[in-house]
Amino acid sequence: MAKYGEENFTLEIIDFADTYDELKEKEKYWIKWYNSTDRSIGYNLTEGGDGTFGRMHSEETKEKIRQKALGRKASEDTKQKMSKSRKGKCSDKQKEHLSKLQEQCKTKVYQYSKTGEFIAEYDSIIEACKANGLSRNTIRIQLKNPPRNPNDHRIKFLWKTVKTERY
């Protein structure tokens, strides 16, 4: 009705149904009775009952859709709306998987003063960063390449992944 305009249709009640399943069966019956899948006399695309679910497009229709979509660019406003609508949408299964990955990737880190005394233990690099106002890269780089000169003015703390009494 949206495609051809409401003014081109008349609505009549031609049957009643007591259940949803009965309604689907009657819809199929009446579409067949009026032969409304014949494009020259009707508007129905399917035999009815379940809408267009499971209906397959012909190769010709797929090509027409593809050609129409070629070169179409979404506006910046549309891109922002699509991005906003997808943000934070994650199934429970995805959340569980991400949680497991995060747990696997956690690395315990140990903090030492520049003089080598043990200061604190953290369950992850991120936790250590938040507690000390540092970026993740600061700690990661030091874990990969321990400083040659711990007294370097750029170094605030020393970091290790194995706990020892002194650095």
C-alpha atoms as a PDB file:
ATOM      1  CA  MET A   1       0.000   0.000   0.000  1.00  0.00           C
ATOM      2  CA  ALA A   2       2.874   2.346   0.694  1.00  0.00           C
ATOM      3  CA  LYS A   3       4.298   1.768  -2.781  1.00  0.00           C
ATOM      4  CA  TYR A   4       1.066   2.230  -4.768  1.00  0.00           C
ATOM      5  CA  GLY A   5      -0.762   4.625  -2.443  1.00  0.00           C
ATOM      6  CA  GLU A   6      -3.620   3.930  -0.037  1.00  0.00           C
ATOM      7  CA  GLU A   7      -6.090   5.672  -2.343  1.00  0.00           C
ATOM      8  CA  ASN A   8      -5.661   2.810  -4.850  1.00  0.00           C
ATOM      9  CA  PHE A   9      -6.950   0.185  -2.403  1.00  0.00           C
ATOM     10  CA  THR A  10     -10.211  -0.658  -0.678  1.00  0.00           C
ATOM     11  CA  LEU A  11     -10.195  -2.596   2.560  1.00  0.00           C
ATOM     12  CA  GLU A  12     -12.832  -5.253   3.142  1.00  0.00           C
ATOM     13  CA  ILE A  13     -13.138  -7.953   5.768  1.00  0.00           C
ATOM     14  CA  ILE A  14     -13.558 -11.194   3.826  1.00  0.00           C
ATOM     15  CA  ASP A  15     -12.928 -13.744   6.579  1.00  0.00           C
ATOM     16  CA  PHE A  16     -12.200 -14.243  10.282  1.00  0.00           C
ATOM     17  CA  ALA A  17      -9.695 -16.431  12.132  1.00  0.00           C
ATOM     18  CA  ASP A  18      -9.502 -17.552  15.752  1.00  0.00           C
ATOM     19  CA  THR A  19      -5.762 -18.263  15.845  1.00  0.00           C
ATOM     20  CA  TYR A  20      -2.644 -16.902  14.186  1.00  0.00           C
ATOM     21  CA  ASP A  21      -2.034 -20.242  12.417  1.00  0.00           C
ATOM     22  CA  GLU A  22      -5.599 -20.248  11.084  1.00  0.00           C
ATOM     23  CA  LEU A  23      -5.102 -16.648   9.905  1.00  0.00           C
ATOM     24  CA  LYS A  24      -1.989 -17.641   7.933  1.00  0.00           C
ATOM     25  CA  GLU A  25      -3.832 -20.542   6.299  1.00  0.00           C
ATOM     26  CA  LYS A  26      -6.771 -18.315   5.337  1.00  0.00           C
ATOM     27  CA  GLU A  27      -4.405 -15.708   3.922  1.00  0.00           C
ATOM     28  CA  LYS A  28      -2.898 -18.392   1.660  1.00  0.00           C
ATOM     29  CA  TYR A  29      -6.373 -19.548   0.631  1.00  0.00           C
ATOM     30  CA  TRP A  30      -7.615 -16.079  -0.335  1.00  0.00           C
ATOM     31  CA  ILE A  31      -4.432 -15.120  -2.186  1.00  0.00           C
ATOM     32  CA  LYS A  32      -4.818 -18.295  -4.221  1.00  0.00           C
ATOM     33  CA  TRP A  33      -8.606 -17.756  -4.678  1.00  0.00           C
ATOM     34  CA  TYR A  34      -8.093 -14.228  -6.079  1.00  0.00           C
ATOM     35  CA  ASN A  35      -4.908 -15.233  -7.948  1.00  0.00           C
ATOM     36  CA  SER A  36      -3.328 -12.064  -6.534  1.00  0.00           C
ATOM     37  CA  THR A  37       0.245 -13.257  -7.146  1.00  0.00           C
ATOM     38  CA  ASP A  38      -0.414 -12.678 -10.866  1.00  0.00           C
ATOM     39  CA  ARG A  39       1.214  -9.244 -11.331  1.00  0.00           C
ATOM     40  CA  SER A  40      -1.350  -8.228 -13.987  1.00  0.00           C
ATOM     41  CA  ILE A  41      -4.261  -8.458 -11.502  1.00  0.00           C
ATOM     42  CA  GLY A  42      -2.761  -8.509  -7.999  1.00  0.00           C
ATOM     43  CA  TYR A  43      -0.084  -7.167  -5.697  1.00  0.00           C
ATOM     44  CA  ASN A  44       0.960 -10.167  -3.596  1.00  0.00           C
ATOM     45  CA  LEU A  45       4.580 -11.237  -4.015  1.00  0.00           C
ATOM     46  CA  THR A  46       4.223 -14.529  -2.143  1.00  0.00           C
ATOM     47  CA  GLU A  47       1.565 -17.181  -1.586  1.00  0.00           C
ATOM     48  CA  GLY A  48       1.032 -15.682   1.878  1.00  0.00           C
ATOM     49  CA  GLY A  49       1.128 -16.967   5.395  1.00  0.00           C
ATOM     50  CA  ASP A  50       4.563 -15.750   6.411  1.00  0.00           C
ATOM     51  CA  GLY A  51       5.099 -12.509   4.529  1.00  0.00           C
ATOM     52  CA  THR A  52       8.251 -12.382   2.415  1.00  0.00           C
ATOM     53  CA  PHE A  53      10.370 -14.374   4.868  1.00  0.00           C
ATOM     54  CA  GLY A  54      12.487 -16.895   2.976  1.00  0.00           C
ATOM     55  CA  ARG A  55      11.617 -15.466  -0.439  1.00  0.00           C
ATOM     56  CA  MET A  56      14.608 -15.519  -2.756  1.00  0.00           C
ATOM     57  CA  HIS A  57      15.331 -12.743  -5.259  1.00  0.00           C
ATOM     58  CA  SER A  58      15.968 -13.761  -8.850  1.00  0.00           C
ATOM     59  CA  GLU A  59      19.431 -13.111 -10.278  1.00  0.00           C
ATOM     60  CA  GLU A  60      17.919 -10.359 -12.424  1.00  0.00           C
ATOM     61  CA  THR A  61      16.444  -8.631  -9.358  1.00  0.00           C
ATOM     62  CA  LYS A  62      19.721  -8.980  -7.446  1.00  0.00           C
ATOM     63  CA  GLU A  63      21.561  -7.310 -10.336  1.00  0.00           C
ATOM     64  CA  LYS A  64      19.031  -4.454 -10.459  1.00  0.00           C
ATOM     65  CA  ILE A  65      19.449  -3.891  -6.709  1.00  0.00           C
ATOM     66  CA  ARG A  66      23.237  -3.991  -7.059  1.00  0.00           C
ATOM     67  CA  GLN A  67      23.227  -1.502  -9.958  1.00  0.00           C
ATOM     68  CA  LYS A  68      20.993   0.887  -8.060  1.00  0.00           C
ATOM     69  CA  ALA A  69      23.268   0.731  -4.999  1.00  0.00           C
ATOM     70  CA  LEU A  70      26.495   1.340  -6.948  1.00  0.00           C
ATOM     71  CA  GLY A  71      27.955   4.741  -6.257  1.00  0.00           C
ATOM     72  CA  ARG A  72      25.426   5.476  -3.530  1.00  0.00           C
ATOM     73  CA  LYS A  73      27.144   7.210  -0.641  1.00  0.00           C
ATOM     74  CA  ALA A  74      25.647   7.713   2.783  1.00  0.00           C
ATOM     75  CA  SER A  75      25.719  11.282   4.083  1.00  0.00           C
ATOM     76  CA  GLU A  76      27.857  12.107   7.093  1.00  0.00           C
ATOM     77  CA  ASP A  77      24.659  12.553   9.112  1.00  0.00           C
ATOM     78  CA  THR A  78      23.466   9.077   8.091  1.00  0.00           C
ATOM     79  CA  LYS A  79      26.862   7.554   8.902  1.00  0.00           C
ATOM     80  CA  GLN A  80      26.741   9.138  12.371  1.00  0.00           C
ATOM     81  CA  LYS A  81      23.220   7.789  12.962  1.00  0.00           C
ATOM     82  CA  MET A  82      24.242   4.273  11.850  1.00  0.00           C
ATOM     83  CA  SER A  83      27.322   4.385  14.073  1.00  0.00           C
ATOM     84  CA  LYS A  84      25.314   5.618  17.061  1.00  0.00           C
ATOM     85  CA  SER A  85      22.667   2.909  16.595  1.00  0.00           C
ATOM     86  CA  ARG A  86      25.313   0.158  16.593  1.00  0.00           C
ATOM     87  CA  LYS A  87      27.412   1.386  19.517  1.00  0.00           C
ATOM     88  CA  GLY A  88      27.250  -0.794  22.589  1.00  0.00           C
ATOM     89  CA  LYS A  89      25.223  -3.493  20.866  1.00  0.00           C
ATOM     90  CA  CYS A  90      26.770  -6.772  21.770  1.00  0.00           C
ATOM     91  CA  SER A  91      25.078 -10.117  22.328  1.00  0.00           C
ATOM     92  CA  ASP A  92      25.531 -11.977  25.610  1.00  0.00           C
ATOM     93  CA  LYS A  93      27.628 -14.564  23.781  1.00  0.00           C
ATOM     94  CA  GLN A  94      29.920 -11.828  22.390  1.00  0.00           C
ATOM     95  CA  LYS A  95      30.208 -10.214  25.833  1.00  0.00           C
ATOM     96  CA  GLU A  96      31.161 -13.563  27.361  1.00  0.00           C
ATOM     97  CA  HIS A  97      33.764 -14.154  24.630  1.00  0.00           C
ATOM     98  CA  LEU A  98      35.264 -10.671  25.073  1.00  0.00           C
ATOM     99  CA  SER A  99      35.368 -11.152  28.826  1.00  0.00           C
ATOM    100  CA  LYS A 100      37.294 -14.434  28.411  1.00  0.00           C
ATOM    101  CA  LEU A 101      39.732 -12.784  26.007  1.00  0.00           C
ATOM    102  CA  GLN A 102      40.321  -9.930  28.441  1.00  0.00           C
ATOM    103  CA  GLU A 103      41.015 -12.383  31.246  1.00  0.00           C
ATOM    104  CA  GLN A 104      43.489 -14.294  29.073  1.00  0.00           C
ATOM    105  CA  CYS A 105      45.275 -11.097  28.085  1.00  0.00           C
ATOM    106  CA  LYS A 106      45.688  -9.776  31.617  1.00  0.00           C
ATOM    107  CA  THR A 107      49.297  -9.609  32.734  1.00  0.00           C
ATOM    108  CA  LYS A 108      50.145  -9.114  36.396  1.00  0.00           C
ATOM    109  CA  VAL A 109      52.624  -6.294  36.786  1.00  0.00           C
ATOM    110  CA  TYR A 110      54.806  -5.271  39.693  1.00  0.00           C
ATOM    111  CA  GLN A 111      55.816  -1.694  40.375  1.00  0.00           C
ATOM    112  CA  TYR A 112      59.212  -0.677  41.775  1.00  0.00           C
ATOM    113  CA  SER A 113      60.700   2.668  42.724  1.00  0.00           C
ATOM    114  CA  LYS A 114      63.647   4.068  40.773  1.00  0.00           C
ATOM    115  CA  THR A 115      65.847   2.798  43.608  1.00  0.00           C
ATOM    116  CA  GLY A 116      64.498  -0.737  43.106  1.00  0.00           C
ATOM    117  CA  GLU A 117      62.148  -1.134  46.101  1.00  0.00           C
ATOM    118  CA  PHE A 118      58.858  -2.978  45.573  1.00  0.00           C
ATOM    119  CA  ILE A 119      55.863  -0.596  45.658  1.00  0.00           C
ATOM    120  CA  ALA A 120      52.736  -2.391  44.418  1.00  0.00           C
ATOM    121  CA  GLU A 121      51.212  -5.323  42.551  1.00  0.00           C
ATOM    122  CA  TYR A 122      48.493  -4.910  39.885  1.00  0.00           C
ATOM    123  CA  ASP A 123      46.304  -7.520  38.201  1.00  0.00           C
ATOM    124  CA  SER A 124      46.732  -5.865  34.798  1.00  0.00           C
ATOM    125  CA  ILE A 125      48.641  -3.194  32.939  1.00  0.00           C
ATOM    126  CA  ILE A 126      45.432  -1.167  32.613  1.00  0.00           C
ATOM    127  CA  GLU A 127      44.890  -1.242  36.384  1.00  0.00           C
ATOM    128  CA  ALA A 128      48.473  -0.066  36.947  1.00  0.00           C
ATOM    129  CA  CYS A 129      48.033   2.729  34.394  1.00  0.00           C
ATOM    130  CA  LYS A 130      44.842   3.998  36.001  1.00  0.00           C
ATOM    131  CA  ALA A 131      46.387   3.949  39.473  1.00  0.00           C
ATOM    132  CA  ASN A 132      49.492   5.860  38.356  1.00  0.00           C
ATOM    133  CA  GLY A 133      48.181   8.111  35.585  1.00  0.00           C
ATOM    134  CA  LEU A 134      50.305   6.462  32.909  1.00  0.00           C
ATOM    135  CA  SER A 135      49.553   5.236  29.386  1.00  0.00           C
ATOM    136  CA  ARG A 136      49.554   1.515  28.594  1.00  0.00           C
ATOM    137  CA  ASN A 137      52.439   1.973  26.181  1.00  0.00           C
ATOM    138  CA  THR A 138      54.657   3.440  28.902  1.00  0.00           C
ATOM    139  CA  ILE A 139      54.478   0.208  30.900  1.00  0.00           C
ATOM    140  CA  ARG A 140      54.435  -2.142  27.880  1.00  0.00           C
ATOM    141  CA  ILE A 141      57.569  -0.596  26.395  1.00  0.00           C
ATOM    142  CA  GLN A 142      59.383  -0.883  29.715  1.00  0.00           C
ATOM    143  CA  LEU A 143      58.317  -4.519  30.103  1.00  0.00           C
ATOM    144  CA  LYS A 144      59.593  -5.312  26.597  1.00  0.00           C
ATOM    145  CA  ASN A 145      62.810  -3.318  26.911  1.00  0.00           C
ATOM    146  CA  PRO A 146      63.862  -2.740  30.546  1.00  0.00           C
ATOM    147  CA  PRO A 147      65.593   0.628  30.930  1.00  0.00           C
ATOM    148  CA  ARG A 148      69.402   0.607  30.807  1.00  0.00           C
ATOM    149  CA  ASN A 149      69.556   3.650  33.044  1.00  0.00           C
ATOM    150  CA  PRO A 150      66.844   3.544  35.768  1.00  0.00           C
ATOM    151  CA  ASN A 151      67.861   7.057  36.846  1.00  0.00           C
ATOM    152  CA  ASP A 152      66.725   8.529  33.512  1.00  0.00           C
ATOM    153  CA  HIS A 153      64.545  11.573  34.312  1.00  0.00           C
ATOM    154  CA  ARG A 154      61.777  10.300  31.978  1.00  0.00           C
ATOM    155  CA  ILE A 155      61.247   7.161  34.058  1.00  0.00           C
ATOM    156  CA  LYS A 156      58.902   7.495  37.052  1.00  0.00           C
ATOM    157  CA  PHE A 157      58.746   3.817  38.045  1.00  0.00           C
ATOM    158  CA  LEU A 158      60.261   0.482  37.093  1.00  0.00           C
ATOM    159  CA  TRP A 159      57.980  -2.372  36.002  1.00  0.00           C
ATOM    160  CA  LYS A 160      58.288  -6.186  35.914  1.00  0.00           C
ATOM    161  CA  THR A 161      56.002  -9.150  35.283  1.00  0.00           C
ATOM    162  CA  VAL A 162      57.768 -11.298  37.893  1.00  0.00           C
ATOM    163  CA  LYS A 163      57.767 -10.253  41.546  1.00  0.00           C
ATOM    164  CA  THR A 164      61.126  -9.945  43.282  1.00  0.00           C
ATOM    165  CA  GLU A 165      62.169  -8.211  46.497  1.00  0.00           C
ATOM    166  CA  ARG A 166      64.183  -5.659  44.550  1.00  0.00           C
ATOM    167  CA  TYR A 167      64.261  -4.600  40.913  1.00  0.00           C
END
